[in-house]
Amino acid sequence: MTTATKEPKASKEFVKQSTLYQEFLAERQEILRHKWIESERLGYDIGFERALLDWIRKHRDAWRTNRRAQLAGQHPPVEARK
């Protein structure tokens, strides 16, 4: 295999391991959960876009605050690990 063939795979693995991508996946999971709950409540599929906009308006700030607090508890700051 050439280096050019290996780079895309390495890049994909880097992206999958990045904090930003992990946050995206966690947020997406919450939006899908919100979509399911609201669709069940209303009796029809509300669709991803509506669920996304509704979740952002109603839940995103609190979710992010809670997530940061949880992550801070799991991974102490660098100074605390010394």
N, C-alpha and C. Protein backbone atom coordinates (compact mmCIF):
# COMPACT_ATOMS: atom_id res chain seq x y z
N MET A 1 0.83 -1.19 0.00
CA MET A 1 0.00 0.00 0.00
C MET A 1 0.87 1.25 0.00
N THR A 2 0.40 2.24 -0.66
CA THR A 2 1.14 3.50 -0.69
C THR A 2 0.73 4.37 0.48
N THR A 3 1.51 5.40 0.73
CA THR A 3 1.20 6.34 1.79
C THR A 3 -0.11 7.05 1.52
N ALA A 4 -0.38 7.36 0.25
CA ALA A 4 -1.62 8.05 -0.11
C ALA A 4 -2.84 7.21 0.26
N THR A 5 -2.72 5.89 0.19
CA THR A 5 -3.83 5.02 0.54
C THR A 5 -4.05 5.00 2.05
N LYS A 6 -2.98 5.07 2.81
CA LYS A 6 -3.08 5.00 4.26
C LYS A 6 -3.57 6.32 4.86
N GLU A 7 -3.27 7.43 4.27
CA GLU A 7 -3.63 8.73 4.84
C GLU A 7 -5.13 8.91 5.05
N PRO A 8 -5.96 8.60 4.09
CA PRO A 8 -7.39 8.79 4.34
C PRO A 8 -7.90 7.97 5.52
N LYS A 9 -7.43 6.74 5.65
CA LYS A 9 -7.86 5.91 6.77
C LYS A 9 -7.38 6.51 8.08
N ALA A 10 -6.15 6.98 8.12
CA ALA A 10 -5.61 7.61 9.32
C ALA A 10 -6.39 8.88 9.63
N SER A 11 -6.72 9.62 8.61
CA SER A 11 -7.49 10.85 8.81
C SER A 11 -8.87 10.54 9.37
N LYS A 12 -9.49 9.49 8.84
CA LYS A 12 -10.82 9.10 9.33
C LYS A 12 -10.74 8.70 10.79
N GLU A 13 -9.72 7.96 11.16
CA GLU A 13 -9.57 7.54 12.56
C GLU A 13 -9.33 8.75 13.46
N PHE A 14 -8.55 9.69 12.99
CA PHE A 14 -8.29 10.91 13.76
C PHE A 14 -9.60 11.66 14.01
N VAL A 15 -10.40 11.78 12.96
CA VAL A 15 -11.67 12.49 13.08
C VAL A 15 -12.58 11.76 14.07
N LYS A 16 -12.67 10.45 13.95
CA LYS A 16 -13.53 9.67 14.84
C LYS A 16 -13.13 9.82 16.30
N GLN A 17 -11.85 10.03 16.55
CA GLN A 17 -11.35 10.13 17.91
C GLN A 17 -11.36 11.57 18.43
N SER A 18 -11.64 12.53 17.58
CA SER A 18 -11.58 13.92 18.00
C SER A 18 -12.72 14.28 18.95
N THR A 19 -12.45 15.18 19.84
CA THR A 19 -13.45 15.64 20.79
C THR A 19 -14.62 16.28 20.08
N LEU A 20 -14.35 17.06 19.07
CA LEU A 20 -15.41 17.73 18.33
C LEU A 20 -16.37 16.72 17.71
N TYR A 21 -15.85 15.67 17.11
CA TYR A 21 -16.69 14.65 16.51
C TYR A 21 -17.49 13.90 17.58
N GLN A 22 -16.87 13.62 18.71
CA GLN A 22 -17.57 12.95 19.80
C GLN A 22 -18.72 13.81 20.32
N GLU A 23 -18.51 15.11 20.40
CA GLU A 23 -19.58 16.02 20.82
C GLU A 23 -20.70 16.04 19.80
N PHE A 24 -20.34 16.05 18.52
CA PHE A 24 -21.35 16.00 17.46
C PHE A 24 -22.21 14.74 17.59
N LEU A 25 -21.57 13.60 17.79
CA LEU A 25 -22.31 12.35 17.92
C LEU A 25 -23.22 12.34 19.14
N ALA A 26 -22.74 12.86 20.25
CA ALA A 26 -23.55 12.91 21.47
C ALA A 26 -24.75 13.83 21.27
N GLU A 27 -24.53 14.98 20.65
CA GLU A 27 -25.62 15.91 20.39
C GLU A 27 -26.64 15.30 19.44
N ARG A 28 -26.16 14.66 18.40
CA ARG A 28 -27.03 14.01 17.43
C ARG A 28 -27.90 12.96 18.10
N GLN A 29 -27.31 12.19 19.01
CA GLN A 29 -28.06 11.17 19.73
C GLN A 29 -29.18 11.80 20.56
N GLU A 30 -28.90 12.92 21.19
CA GLU A 30 -29.93 13.61 21.97
C GLU A 30 -31.05 14.15 21.09
N ILE A 31 -30.68 14.65 19.92
CA ILE A 31 -31.69 15.16 18.98
C ILE A 31 -32.58 14.01 18.50
N LEU A 32 -31.98 12.87 18.19
CA LEU A 32 -32.76 11.72 17.76
C LEU A 32 -33.68 11.22 18.88
N ARG A 33 -33.20 11.29 20.11
CA ARG A 33 -34.04 10.90 21.25
C ARG A 33 -35.22 11.87 21.38
N HIS A 34 -34.94 13.16 21.23
CA HIS A 34 -35.99 14.18 21.29
C HIS A 34 -37.01 13.96 20.16
N LYS A 35 -36.51 13.65 18.99
CA LYS A 35 -37.38 13.38 17.84
C LYS A 35 -38.32 12.21 18.14
N TRP A 36 -37.78 11.15 18.72
CA TRP A 36 -38.60 9.99 19.04
C TRP A 36 -39.66 10.34 20.08
N ILE A 37 -39.25 11.02 21.16
CA ILE A 37 -40.18 11.38 22.23
C ILE A 37 -41.30 12.26 21.70
N GLU A 38 -40.95 13.29 20.95
CA GLU A 38 -41.95 14.22 20.44
C GLU A 38 -42.85 13.55 19.39
N SER A 39 -42.28 12.70 18.56
CA SER A 39 -43.08 11.97 17.57
C SER A 39 -44.08 11.06 18.25
N GLU A 40 -43.65 10.37 19.30
CA GLU A 40 -44.56 9.51 20.06
C GLU A 40 -45.66 10.34 20.72
N ARG A 41 -45.28 11.45 21.28
CA ARG A 41 -46.25 12.30 21.97
C ARG A 41 -47.30 12.83 21.01
N LEU A 42 -46.88 13.24 19.82
CA LEU A 42 -47.80 13.83 18.85
C LEU A 42 -48.50 12.80 17.97
N GLY A 43 -47.95 11.60 17.91
CA GLY A 43 -48.59 10.54 17.14
C GLY A 43 -48.18 10.50 15.68
N TYR A 44 -47.14 11.24 15.31
CA TYR A 44 -46.60 11.19 13.94
C TYR A 44 -45.14 11.61 13.97
N ASP A 45 -44.42 11.21 12.93
CA ASP A 45 -43.00 11.53 12.83
C ASP A 45 -42.82 13.01 12.56
N ILE A 46 -42.15 13.72 13.46
CA ILE A 46 -41.98 15.16 13.29
C ILE A 46 -40.81 15.50 12.37
N GLY A 47 -39.97 14.54 12.07
CA GLY A 47 -38.84 14.77 11.19
C GLY A 47 -37.63 15.33 11.93
N PHE A 48 -36.47 15.11 11.36
CA PHE A 48 -35.23 15.50 12.01
C PHE A 48 -35.09 17.01 12.13
N GLU A 49 -35.41 17.74 11.08
CA GLU A 49 -35.21 19.18 11.11
C GLU A 49 -36.05 19.85 12.20
N ARG A 50 -37.30 19.46 12.30
CA ARG A 50 -38.15 20.04 13.34
C ARG A 50 -37.63 19.67 14.73
N ALA A 51 -37.23 18.41 14.89
CA ALA A 51 -36.69 17.97 16.17
C ALA A 51 -35.41 18.73 16.51
N LEU A 52 -34.57 18.93 15.52
CA LEU A 52 -33.32 19.67 15.72
C LEU A 52 -33.60 21.08 16.21
N LEU A 53 -34.46 21.80 15.50
CA LEU A 53 -34.74 23.18 15.87
C LEU A 53 -35.42 23.28 17.23
N ASP A 54 -36.33 22.36 17.51
CA ASP A 54 -37.02 22.35 18.80
C ASP A 54 -36.04 22.05 19.92
N TRP A 55 -35.17 21.07 19.72
CA TRP A 55 -34.19 20.69 20.73
C TRP A 55 -33.21 21.83 21.01
N ILE A 56 -32.76 22.50 19.95
CA ILE A 56 -31.85 23.62 20.13
C ILE A 56 -32.51 24.70 20.98
N ARG A 57 -33.75 25.04 20.65
CA ARG A 57 -34.46 26.10 21.38
C ARG A 57 -34.72 25.73 22.83
N LYS A 58 -35.10 24.49 23.07
CA LYS A 58 -35.57 24.10 24.40
C LYS A 58 -34.53 23.43 25.29
N HIS A 59 -33.56 22.73 24.72
CA HIS A 59 -32.73 21.85 25.54
C HIS A 59 -31.22 22.00 25.37
N ARG A 60 -30.76 22.57 24.30
CA ARG A 60 -29.33 22.54 24.00
C ARG A 60 -28.45 23.18 25.07
N ASP A 61 -28.80 24.37 25.53
CA ASP A 61 -27.95 25.04 26.52
C ASP A 61 -27.80 24.23 27.80
N ALA A 62 -28.92 23.73 28.30
CA ALA A 62 -28.86 22.93 29.53
C ALA A 62 -28.11 21.63 29.30
N TRP A 63 -28.31 21.01 28.13
CA TRP A 63 -27.61 19.76 27.83
C TRP A 63 -26.11 19.98 27.79
N ARG A 64 -25.69 21.06 27.12
CA ARG A 64 -24.25 21.34 27.04
C ARG A 64 -23.65 21.63 28.41
N THR A 65 -24.37 22.37 29.23
CA THR A 65 -23.88 22.67 30.58
C THR A 65 -23.71 21.38 31.37
N ASN A 66 -24.71 20.51 31.33
CA ASN A 66 -24.63 19.23 32.04
C ASN A 66 -23.53 18.35 31.48
N ARG A 67 -23.39 18.33 30.18
CA ARG A 67 -22.35 17.49 29.55
C ARG A 67 -20.96 17.96 29.96
N ARG A 68 -20.75 19.25 29.94
CA ARG A 68 -19.43 19.79 30.35
C ARG A 68 -19.14 19.43 31.80
N ALA A 69 -20.16 19.53 32.65
CA ALA A 69 -19.97 19.18 34.06
C ALA A 69 -19.62 17.70 34.21
N GLN A 70 -20.31 16.85 33.46
CA GLN A 70 -20.02 15.41 33.51
C GLN A 70 -18.60 15.12 33.03
N LEU A 71 -18.23 15.73 31.91
CA LEU A 71 -16.90 15.48 31.35
C LEU A 71 -15.81 16.03 32.27
N ALA A 72 -16.08 17.13 32.92
CA ALA A 72 -15.10 17.70 33.85
C ALA A 72 -14.87 16.77 35.03
N GLY A 73 -15.92 16.09 35.46
CA GLY A 73 -15.79 15.13 36.56
C GLY A 73 -15.02 13.89 36.17
N GLN A 74 -15.08 13.51 34.92
CA GLN A 74 -14.40 12.31 34.44
C GLN A 74 -12.93 12.57 34.14
N HIS A 75 -12.65 13.76 33.67
CA HIS A 75 -11.29 14.10 33.24
C HIS A 75 -10.84 15.35 33.98
N PRO A 76 -10.15 15.20 35.11
CA PRO A 76 -9.71 16.38 35.84
C PRO A 76 -8.76 17.22 34.99
N PRO A 77 -8.71 18.53 35.25
CA PRO A 77 -7.78 19.39 34.51
C PRO A 77 -6.35 18.90 34.65
N VAL A 78 -5.52 19.25 33.72
CA VAL A 78 -4.12 18.81 33.69
C VAL A 78 -3.42 19.14 35.00
N GLU A 79 -3.67 20.33 35.56
CA GLU A 79 -3.02 20.74 36.80
C GLU A 79 -3.38 19.81 37.95
N ALA A 80 -4.60 19.31 37.97
CA ALA A 80 -5.06 18.44 39.05
C ALA A 80 -4.45 17.04 38.94
N ARG A 81 -4.03 16.65 37.76
CA ARG A 81 -3.46 15.31 37.57
C ARG A 81 -2.00 15.24 37.98
N LYS A 82 -1.35 16.35 38.19
CA LYS A 82 0.09 16.34 38.51
C LYS A 82 0.35 15.94 39.94
